[in-house]
Amino acid sequence: MSTKISLTDQFIDLEHEHGAHNYHPLPVVLDRGEGVYLWDVEGKKYFDFLSAYSAVNQGHCHPRIVHALKYQAQQLCLTSRAFHNSAFGPFAAFITKYFGFDKILPMNSGAEAVETAIKIARKWGVQKKGIPQEQAQIVVCHGNFHGRTTTIISFSDDKVAKKDFGPYTPGFISIPHNDIAALEAAFMSNNNIVGFLVEPIQGEAGVFTPDEDYLRAVQQLCNENEVLFIADEIQTGIARTGSLLAVCGNCDCESSCLRQPDTFAAPDILILGKALSGGVYPVSAVLANNEVMNVIQPGEHGSTFGGNPIAAVVATVALKVIKDENLAQNARKLGQLFRNAMNDYIKTSNIVTLVRGKGLLNAIVINDSPNSDTAWNICLALKENGLLAKPTHGNIIRFAPPLVMTEDQLMACVDIIIKTLRSFEPK
């Protein structure tokens, strides 16, 4: 007697047979999304508590962003940068004013943007700082996650991401995150340092949030040592942490914030991606002022799709949605409510030891070994209860819903999370 295979299993089997096994997804096959919700191929509805790793801050299929995509796709999709197009110039003017920089270099993926920032910093070091050819060094942090290209994994300490992919690219010095003394020591011991590349909050490492004054101290130290402060805000940017950027601290998200160095930790190079397009199209960007960006000349860097008309129009609307719908302010308010609720639960919990984060980028630490499958099993149970989240680094579960979530929706999600955690408490 034959057993009927579910629609979910059919899709998973097809992907397993014909797709490379470079991910370990939860056993759910998603078919539709709207706002904070996702539906699978069987028709079951879920709260999304991952937001495609913070790429859909504006919610799934935001109608304004989708309309912009559809309109531009019918006008002009791609010319390459061999020619000018009528969308990129207006977008470049808009985004540079929005974030307070002189110039943008557009790319497609976050990893491409990080690679771009590395190239800019190295060339700036040679041309502006007088670093000898092939000697430029960039300081990075332990536990970093900036992508998975060959250069980027070269300075990663994630053994899974790195093993067997050598030889690795030289030119990087790794220090602990949130350690100003270590950064100062690195600067003092090496005259060839051109940049400090850092995630303001380390998302993939488990939402490690530094001390309140860390980024300001980083900015000051970089300025004193003529080193570029390079902020990777691919995941933390675009209102995720309750401010327009995580480097803005606790500001009210005005676009002029980066022009107020006495209040905010303005980077020399800003890296953006993910929610820059609201998750509907691959768009990333590197922003810097003329003194830094003008080291790049024709033929030295580029991308066929970078700055294409669809990307330019989609990203413009995606950024307008952030401002128009006050999503940074909403993230700040709901994030505090979430952490308060989880801290109340933790007081009597044996399964959760800690909640940390900022805005709507948060994580809970499960009271088990990083090598255990407890966090994975909790996420499977959350799925059954109608909420999608994913573990990171074994015993940590990251929670990052779309920023369009309402307070009632958030509290409904808190109820699901607490109900599920209670089922894992020791009897």
Protein backbone atom coordinates (compact mmCIF):
# COMPACT_ATOMS: atom_id res chain seq x y z
CA MET A 1 0.00 0.00 0.00
CA SER A 2 1.57 3.29 -1.10
CA THR A 3 1.85 6.23 1.28
CA LYS A 4 0.94 9.64 -0.11
CA ILE A 5 3.80 12.13 0.18
CA SER A 6 2.80 15.55 1.46
CA LEU A 7 3.20 18.61 -0.72
CA THR A 8 5.80 19.92 1.76
CA ASP A 9 7.87 16.74 1.47
CA GLN A 10 7.64 16.80 -2.32
CA PHE A 11 9.18 20.29 -2.48
CA ILE A 12 11.83 19.46 0.12
CA ASP A 13 12.79 16.24 -1.67
CA LEU A 14 13.06 18.06 -4.99
CA GLU A 15 15.33 20.73 -3.47
CA HIS A 16 17.43 18.12 -1.68
CA GLU A 17 17.97 16.15 -4.89
CA HIS A 18 18.78 19.01 -7.22
CA GLY A 19 20.03 21.85 -5.00
CA ALA A 20 23.42 22.14 -3.30
CA HIS A 21 23.23 21.32 0.41
CA ASN A 22 24.65 24.61 1.66
CA TYR A 23 21.76 25.39 4.02
CA HIS A 24 19.94 23.54 6.79
CA PRO A 25 16.45 25.06 6.70
CA LEU A 26 13.53 24.29 8.95
CA PRO A 27 11.19 21.72 7.34
CA VAL A 28 8.68 24.26 6.05
CA VAL A 29 8.03 25.27 2.43
CA LEU A 30 6.81 28.85 2.18
CA ASP A 31 4.56 29.94 -0.64
CA ARG A 32 3.20 33.41 0.17
CA GLY A 33 3.91 36.39 2.42
CA GLU A 34 2.15 39.56 3.47
CA GLY A 35 3.27 41.98 6.17
CA VAL A 36 4.36 39.98 9.22
CA TYR A 37 2.80 36.72 7.97
CA LEU A 38 3.93 33.78 5.87
CA TRP A 39 1.90 30.87 4.50
CA ASP A 40 3.29 27.45 3.57
CA VAL A 41 2.28 25.29 0.61
CA GLU A 42 -0.24 23.46 2.81
CA GLY A 43 -1.94 26.77 3.65
CA LYS A 44 -0.73 27.07 7.26
CA LYS A 45 -0.15 30.63 8.47
CA TYR A 46 2.89 31.74 10.50
CA PHE A 47 4.30 34.82 12.16
CA ASP A 48 7.68 35.55 10.59
CA PHE A 49 10.22 36.14 13.36
CA LEU A 50 13.34 36.11 11.18
CA SER A 51 12.49 38.60 8.38
CA ALA A 52 14.86 36.87 5.95
CA TYR A 53 17.74 37.84 8.27
CA SER A 54 16.41 41.42 8.48
CA ALA A 55 15.92 41.86 4.74
CA VAL A 56 12.14 42.38 4.99
CA ASN A 57 12.05 45.08 7.66
CA GLN A 58 9.21 46.72 5.72
CA GLY A 59 7.18 43.50 5.79
CA HIS A 60 6.60 40.91 3.10
CA CYS A 61 5.48 42.21 -0.29
CA HIS A 62 5.01 45.79 0.84
CA PRO A 63 2.57 47.20 -1.76
CA ARG A 64 4.50 50.44 -2.38
CA ILE A 65 7.76 48.60 -2.95
CA VAL A 66 6.18 45.92 -5.12
CA HIS A 67 4.45 48.62 -7.19
CA ALA A 68 7.80 50.35 -7.76
CA LEU A 69 9.34 47.04 -8.84
CA LYS A 70 6.53 46.28 -11.29
CA TYR A 71 6.49 49.80 -12.74
CA GLN A 72 10.24 49.96 -13.38
CA ALA A 73 10.37 46.40 -14.71
CA GLN A 74 8.03 47.51 -17.47
CA GLN A 75 10.10 50.61 -18.25
CA LEU A 76 13.77 49.57 -18.19
CA CYS A 77 15.47 46.78 -16.27
CA LEU A 78 19.18 46.83 -17.09
CA THR A 79 21.64 48.82 -19.15
CA SER A 80 24.82 47.99 -17.23
CA ARG A 81 26.87 50.98 -16.13
CA ALA A 82 28.29 51.25 -19.65
CA PHE A 83 25.53 53.83 -20.11
CA HIS A 84 23.76 56.26 -17.82
CA ASN A 85 20.16 55.51 -16.87
CA SER A 86 17.41 57.81 -15.64
CA ALA A 87 16.95 56.02 -12.29
CA PHE A 88 20.43 55.78 -10.78
CA GLY A 89 21.30 59.48 -10.57
CA PRO A 90 18.13 60.41 -8.63
CA PHE A 91 18.63 57.39 -6.34
CA ALA A 92 22.27 58.32 -5.69
CA ALA A 93 21.23 61.86 -4.76
CA PHE A 94 18.43 60.55 -2.54
CA ILE A 95 20.39 57.93 -0.58
CA THR A 96 23.46 60.12 -0.01
CA LYS A 97 21.27 62.85 1.46
CA TYR A 98 19.27 60.27 3.44
CA PHE A 99 22.37 58.96 5.21
CA GLY A 100 24.57 62.06 5.09
CA PHE A 101 27.37 61.05 2.72
CA ASP A 102 28.78 62.42 -0.54
CA LYS A 103 28.91 59.33 -2.70
CA ILE A 104 27.44 55.83 -3.18
CA LEU A 105 28.96 52.81 -4.90
CA PRO A 106 26.07 50.41 -5.62
CA MET A 107 26.32 46.62 -5.63
CA ASN A 108 23.89 43.72 -5.31
CA SER A 109 24.63 41.48 -2.32
CA GLY A 110 25.89 42.24 1.15
CA ALA A 111 29.07 40.27 0.63
CA GLU A 112 29.81 42.25 -2.55
CA ALA A 113 29.39 45.46 -0.58
CA VAL A 114 31.84 44.27 2.09
CA GLU A 115 34.36 43.32 -0.59
CA THR A 116 33.88 46.78 -2.10
CA ALA A 117 34.52 48.50 1.23
CA ILE A 118 37.70 46.45 1.71
CA LYS A 119 38.99 47.48 -1.73
CA ILE A 120 38.18 51.15 -1.13
CA ALA A 121 39.91 51.12 2.26
CA ARG A 122 43.03 49.46 0.89
CA LYS A 123 43.32 51.87 -2.03
CA TRP A 124 42.66 54.84 0.27
CA GLY A 125 45.45 53.59 2.51
CA VAL A 126 47.93 53.42 -0.35
CA GLN A 127 46.94 56.70 -2.01
CA LYS A 128 46.03 58.88 0.96
CA LYS A 129 47.94 57.42 3.90
CA GLY A 130 51.07 56.29 2.08
CA ILE A 131 50.84 52.60 3.00
CA PRO A 132 53.28 50.54 0.90
CA GLN A 133 51.78 48.42 -1.88
CA GLU A 134 50.46 45.02 -0.68
CA GLN A 135 50.90 46.01 2.99
CA ALA A 136 47.48 47.48 3.92
CA GLN A 137 45.93 45.83 6.97
CA ILE A 138 42.29 45.86 8.14
CA VAL A 139 41.27 45.10 11.72
CA VAL A 140 38.20 42.88 12.20
CA CYS A 141 36.50 41.26 15.20
CA HIS A 142 36.32 37.74 16.57
CA GLY A 143 32.91 36.23 15.86
CA ASN A 144 32.34 38.44 12.82
CA PHE A 145 30.01 37.55 9.98
CA HIS A 146 30.42 39.68 6.86
CA GLY A 147 29.58 37.08 4.20
CA ARG A 148 31.05 33.93 2.69
CA THR A 149 33.30 34.98 -0.18
CA THR A 150 36.88 33.72 -0.16
CA THR A 151 38.29 37.01 1.12
CA ILE A 152 35.66 37.36 3.85
CA ILE A 153 36.00 33.83 5.22
CA SER A 154 39.75 34.43 5.34
CA PHE A 155 39.22 36.60 8.43
CA SER A 156 36.35 34.55 9.89
CA ASP A 157 36.83 32.32 12.92
CA ASP A 158 33.79 30.19 12.03
CA LYS A 159 35.37 26.81 11.38
CA VAL A 160 32.39 25.51 9.39
CA ALA A 161 32.43 28.51 7.03
CA LYS A 162 36.22 28.37 6.64
CA LYS A 163 37.42 24.73 6.70
CA ASP A 164 38.80 23.36 3.41
CA PHE A 165 38.34 26.64 1.48
CA GLY A 166 41.93 27.84 1.67
CA PRO A 167 44.35 29.29 0.75
CA TYR A 168 43.10 32.38 2.52
CA THR A 169 43.53 36.06 1.75
CA PRO A 170 46.04 37.90 3.96
CA GLY A 171 45.81 41.44 5.28
CA PHE A 172 43.54 41.14 8.33
CA ILE A 173 44.06 41.42 12.09
CA SER A 174 41.37 39.95 14.36
CA ILE A 175 40.62 41.29 17.85
CA PRO A 176 37.78 40.79 20.36
CA HIS A 177 34.53 42.64 19.73
CA ASN A 178 33.58 45.38 22.20
CA ASP A 179 37.19 45.76 23.34
CA ILE A 180 38.57 49.28 22.88
CA ALA A 181 41.86 48.39 24.57
CA ALA A 182 42.45 45.62 22.02
CA LEU A 183 41.70 47.99 19.15
CA GLU A 184 44.08 50.60 20.52
CA ALA A 185 46.79 47.98 20.97
CA ALA A 186 46.35 46.87 17.35
CA PHE A 187 46.70 50.44 16.13
CA MET A 188 49.81 51.01 18.26
CA SER A 189 51.54 47.84 17.06
CA ASN A 190 51.00 48.24 13.31
CA ASN A 191 51.47 51.36 11.18
CA ASN A 192 49.90 49.79 8.08
CA ILE A 193 46.30 49.61 9.35
CA VAL A 194 43.86 51.33 6.98
CA GLY A 195 40.48 50.35 8.41
CA PHE A 196 38.47 48.81 11.22
CA LEU A 197 35.58 46.71 9.87
CA VAL A 198 32.89 45.99 12.46
CA GLU A 199 29.26 45.02 12.87
CA PRO A 200 27.74 47.42 15.41
CA ILE A 201 25.83 44.42 16.76
CA GLN A 202 27.07 40.94 15.85
CA GLY A 203 23.91 39.30 14.55
CA GLU A 204 25.06 35.89 13.33
CA ALA A 205 27.27 35.45 16.38
CA GLY A 206 24.19 35.61 18.59
CA VAL A 207 23.09 39.28 18.67
CA PHE A 208 26.06 40.40 20.76
CA THR A 209 25.36 44.03 21.68
CA PRO A 210 28.39 46.12 22.72
CA ASP A 211 28.64 48.66 25.52
CA GLU A 212 26.71 51.88 24.98
CA ASP A 213 29.86 53.96 24.44
CA TYR A 214 31.76 51.42 22.33
CA LEU A 215 31.04 52.79 18.86
CA ARG A 216 31.74 56.39 19.87
CA ALA A 217 35.07 55.25 21.30
CA VAL A 218 35.77 53.34 18.06
CA GLN A 219 35.08 56.45 16.00
CA GLN A 220 37.34 58.60 18.14
CA LEU A 221 40.18 56.09 18.12
CA CYS A 222 39.97 55.65 14.35
CA ASN A 223 40.04 59.43 13.85
CA GLU A 224 43.08 59.82 16.11
CA ASN A 225 45.00 57.12 14.22
CA GLU A 226 43.93 58.02 10.66
CA VAL A 227 42.12 54.71 10.24
CA LEU A 228 38.80 54.32 8.41
CA PHE A 229 35.86 53.31 10.60
CA ILE A 230 33.92 50.85 8.40
CA ALA A 231 30.44 49.98 9.72
CA ASP A 232 28.79 46.85 8.33
CA GLU A 233 25.11 47.71 8.83
CA ILE A 234 23.80 45.13 6.36
CA GLN A 235 21.75 43.47 9.10
CA THR A 236 21.58 46.18 11.78
CA GLY A 237 20.78 49.09 9.46
CA ILE A 238 17.54 50.43 7.98
CA ALA A 239 15.74 50.86 11.35
CA ARG A 240 16.22 47.30 12.66
CA THR A 241 17.74 48.33 16.00
CA GLY A 242 15.34 51.20 16.71
CA SER A 243 17.39 53.88 14.94
CA LEU A 244 18.00 54.51 11.28
CA LEU A 245 21.42 52.91 11.81
CA ALA A 246 22.85 51.10 14.81
CA VAL A 247 25.74 53.60 14.85
CA CYS A 248 23.16 56.33 15.49
CA GLY A 249 22.80 55.13 19.06
CA ASN A 250 19.43 56.12 20.51
CA CYS A 251 18.62 58.95 18.12
CA ASP A 252 15.17 59.72 16.76
CA CYS A 253 16.30 58.64 13.31
CA GLU A 254 16.59 61.95 11.51
CA SER A 255 18.55 61.74 8.26
CA SER A 256 20.95 64.44 9.45
CA CYS A 257 22.18 62.37 12.39
CA LEU A 258 25.45 61.31 10.78
CA ARG A 259 26.41 64.96 10.41
CA GLN A 260 26.42 65.42 14.21
CA PRO A 261 29.70 63.76 15.31
CA ASP A 262 29.32 64.95 18.90
CA THR A 263 26.26 62.74 19.28
CA PHE A 264 26.65 59.83 16.86
CA ALA A 265 29.42 57.44 15.84
CA ALA A 266 29.53 58.38 12.16
CA PRO A 267 31.54 55.84 10.13
CA ASP A 268 33.88 56.76 7.30
CA ILE A 269 32.45 53.93 5.19
CA LEU A 270 28.89 52.63 5.60
CA ILE A 271 27.86 49.24 4.19
CA LEU A 272 24.16 48.56 3.55
CA GLY A 273 22.14 45.70 2.05
CA LYS A 274 19.19 43.44 2.93
CA ALA A 275 16.33 45.84 3.87
CA LEU A 276 17.70 48.46 1.48
CA SER A 277 15.22 46.95 -0.98
CA GLY A 278 12.60 45.70 1.47
CA GLY A 279 13.57 42.18 0.47
CA VAL A 280 12.07 42.29 -3.02
CA TYR A 281 15.30 42.71 -5.03
CA PRO A 282 19.06 42.32 -4.41
CA VAL A 283 20.46 45.78 -3.60
CA SER A 284 23.51 46.77 -1.57
CA ALA A 285 25.51 49.94 -1.23
CA VAL A 286 28.74 51.40 0.07
CA LEU A 287 28.57 55.04 1.16
CA ALA A 288 31.50 57.37 1.88
CA ASN A 289 32.54 60.98 1.51
CA ASN A 290 34.55 62.28 -1.43
CA GLU A 291 37.93 62.12 0.33
CA VAL A 292 37.51 58.36 0.59
CA MET A 293 35.31 57.40 -2.36
CA ASN A 294 37.19 59.41 -4.98
CA VAL A 295 40.11 56.97 -4.86
CA ILE A 296 38.00 54.66 -7.06
CA GLN A 297 38.35 55.46 -10.75
CA PRO A 298 36.83 53.93 -13.94
CA GLY A 299 37.74 50.31 -14.51
CA GLU A 300 38.85 49.65 -10.93
CA HIS A 301 35.60 48.23 -9.56
CA GLY A 302 32.09 47.54 -10.78
CA SER A 303 29.12 45.26 -11.30
CA THR A 304 26.90 44.62 -14.32
CA PHE A 305 23.77 44.79 -12.18
CA GLY A 306 24.97 47.27 -9.54
CA GLY A 307 22.94 50.47 -9.76
CA ASN A 308 20.47 49.05 -12.28
CA PRO A 309 17.18 50.95 -12.75
CA ILE A 310 15.02 48.44 -10.86
CA ALA A 311 17.39 48.44 -7.89
CA ALA A 312 17.51 52.24 -7.82
CA VAL A 313 13.74 52.71 -7.86
CA VAL A 314 13.00 49.88 -5.42
CA ALA A 315 15.60 51.05 -2.90
CA THR A 316 14.34 54.63 -3.03
CA VAL A 317 10.80 53.56 -2.17
CA ALA A 318 11.99 51.07 0.45
CA LEU A 319 13.83 53.84 2.29
CA LYS A 320 10.85 56.18 2.03
CA VAL A 321 8.65 53.52 3.64
CA ILE A 322 11.01 53.38 6.64
CA LYS A 323 10.53 57.11 7.26
CA ASP A 324 6.87 57.42 6.28
CA GLU A 325 5.75 54.55 8.52
CA ASN A 326 8.02 55.43 11.48
CA LEU A 327 9.46 51.92 11.49
CA ALA A 328 12.56 52.79 13.51
CA GLN A 329 10.44 54.24 16.28
CA ASN A 330 8.15 51.18 16.16
CA ALA A 331 11.16 48.85 16.40
CA ARG A 332 12.45 50.74 19.43
CA LYS A 333 9.10 50.56 21.24
CA LEU A 334 8.28 46.93 20.41
CA GLY A 335 11.83 45.77 21.10
CA GLN A 336 11.65 47.09 24.64
CA LEU A 337 8.27 45.40 25.16
CA PHE A 338 9.69 42.12 23.87
CA ARG A 339 12.75 42.19 26.12
CA ASN A 340 10.64 43.17 29.13
CA ALA A 341 8.29 40.24 28.53
CA MET A 342 11.15 37.78 28.04
CA ASN A 343 12.98 39.04 31.13
CA ASP A 344 9.81 38.52 33.16
CA TYR A 345 9.66 34.94 31.90
CA ILE A 346 13.36 34.31 32.50
CA LYS A 347 12.93 35.09 36.21
CA THR A 348 11.25 31.72 36.70
CA SER A 349 12.73 29.83 33.73
CA ASN A 350 15.29 27.04 33.70
CA ILE A 351 15.40 26.76 29.91
CA VAL A 352 16.26 30.39 29.02
CA THR A 353 19.12 32.21 30.72
CA LEU A 354 19.27 35.55 28.88
CA VAL A 355 17.63 37.84 26.38
CA ARG A 356 19.71 40.51 24.63
CA GLY A 357 19.46 42.86 21.71
CA LYS A 358 18.32 46.26 20.57
CA GLY A 359 15.17 47.35 18.79
CA LEU A 360 13.69 44.33 17.06
CA LEU A 361 17.00 42.47 16.73
CA ASN A 362 17.03 40.16 19.74
CA ALA A 363 18.11 36.71 20.83
CA ILE A 364 17.52 34.34 23.71
CA VAL A 365 20.20 32.04 25.10
CA ILE A 366 19.02 28.48 25.77
CA ASN A 367 20.31 26.76 28.88
CA ASP A 368 22.11 23.97 27.08
CA SER A 369 25.36 23.27 25.30
CA PRO A 370 25.99 24.96 21.94
CA ASN A 371 26.45 21.42 20.63
CA SER A 372 22.98 20.34 21.75
CA ASP A 373 19.87 20.29 19.55
CA THR A 374 17.62 21.94 22.13
CA ALA A 375 17.40 25.31 20.35
CA TRP A 376 16.68 23.56 17.05
CA ASN A 377 13.93 21.51 18.67
CA ILE A 378 12.44 24.65 20.21
CA CYS A 379 12.34 26.23 16.75
CA LEU A 380 10.60 23.14 15.38
CA ALA A 381 8.02 23.47 18.17
CA LEU A 382 7.64 27.20 17.46
CA LYS A 383 6.90 26.30 13.83
CA GLU A 384 4.18 23.91 14.92
CA ASN A 385 2.73 26.70 17.06
CA GLY A 386 2.69 29.17 14.15
CA LEU A 387 5.94 31.16 14.50
CA LEU A 388 9.11 30.88 12.43
CA ALA A 389 12.55 31.51 13.95
CA LYS A 390 15.98 29.94 13.57
CA PRO A 391 18.86 29.04 15.91
CA THR A 392 22.30 30.55 15.52
CA HIS A 393 25.46 29.18 17.10
CA GLY A 394 23.78 26.13 18.60
CA ASN A 395 22.04 27.33 21.75
CA ILE A 396 20.94 30.82 20.68
CA ILE A 397 17.64 31.68 18.96
CA ARG A 398 17.46 34.95 17.04
CA PHE A 399 14.17 36.86 16.96
CA ALA A 400 13.79 39.58 14.30
CA PRO A 401 10.23 40.16 13.05
CA PRO A 402 9.30 42.66 10.34
CA LEU A 403 9.23 46.20 11.71
CA VAL A 404 5.63 46.71 10.54
CA MET A 405 4.48 44.47 13.39
CA THR A 406 1.84 45.94 15.72
CA GLU A 407 1.89 45.75 19.50
CA ASP A 408 -1.02 43.28 19.50
CA GLN A 409 0.79 41.05 17.01
CA LEU A 410 3.99 41.22 19.05
CA MET A 411 2.23 40.19 22.24
CA ALA A 412 0.54 37.32 20.39
CA CYS A 413 4.01 36.20 19.32
CA VAL A 414 5.32 36.54 22.89
CA ASP A 415 2.49 34.26 24.02
CA ILE A 416 3.49 31.66 21.40
CA ILE A 417 7.17 31.86 22.37
CA ILE A 418 6.51 31.55 26.11
CA LYS A 419 4.00 28.73 25.62
CA THR A 420 6.57 26.85 23.53
CA LEU A 421 9.44 27.47 25.98
CA ARG A 422 7.32 26.24 28.87
CA SER A 423 6.93 22.90 27.12
CA PHE A 424 10.73 22.54 27.27
CA GLU A 425 11.11 23.44 30.95
CA PRO A 426 12.39 20.57 33.09
CA LYS A 427 9.50 18.67 34.69
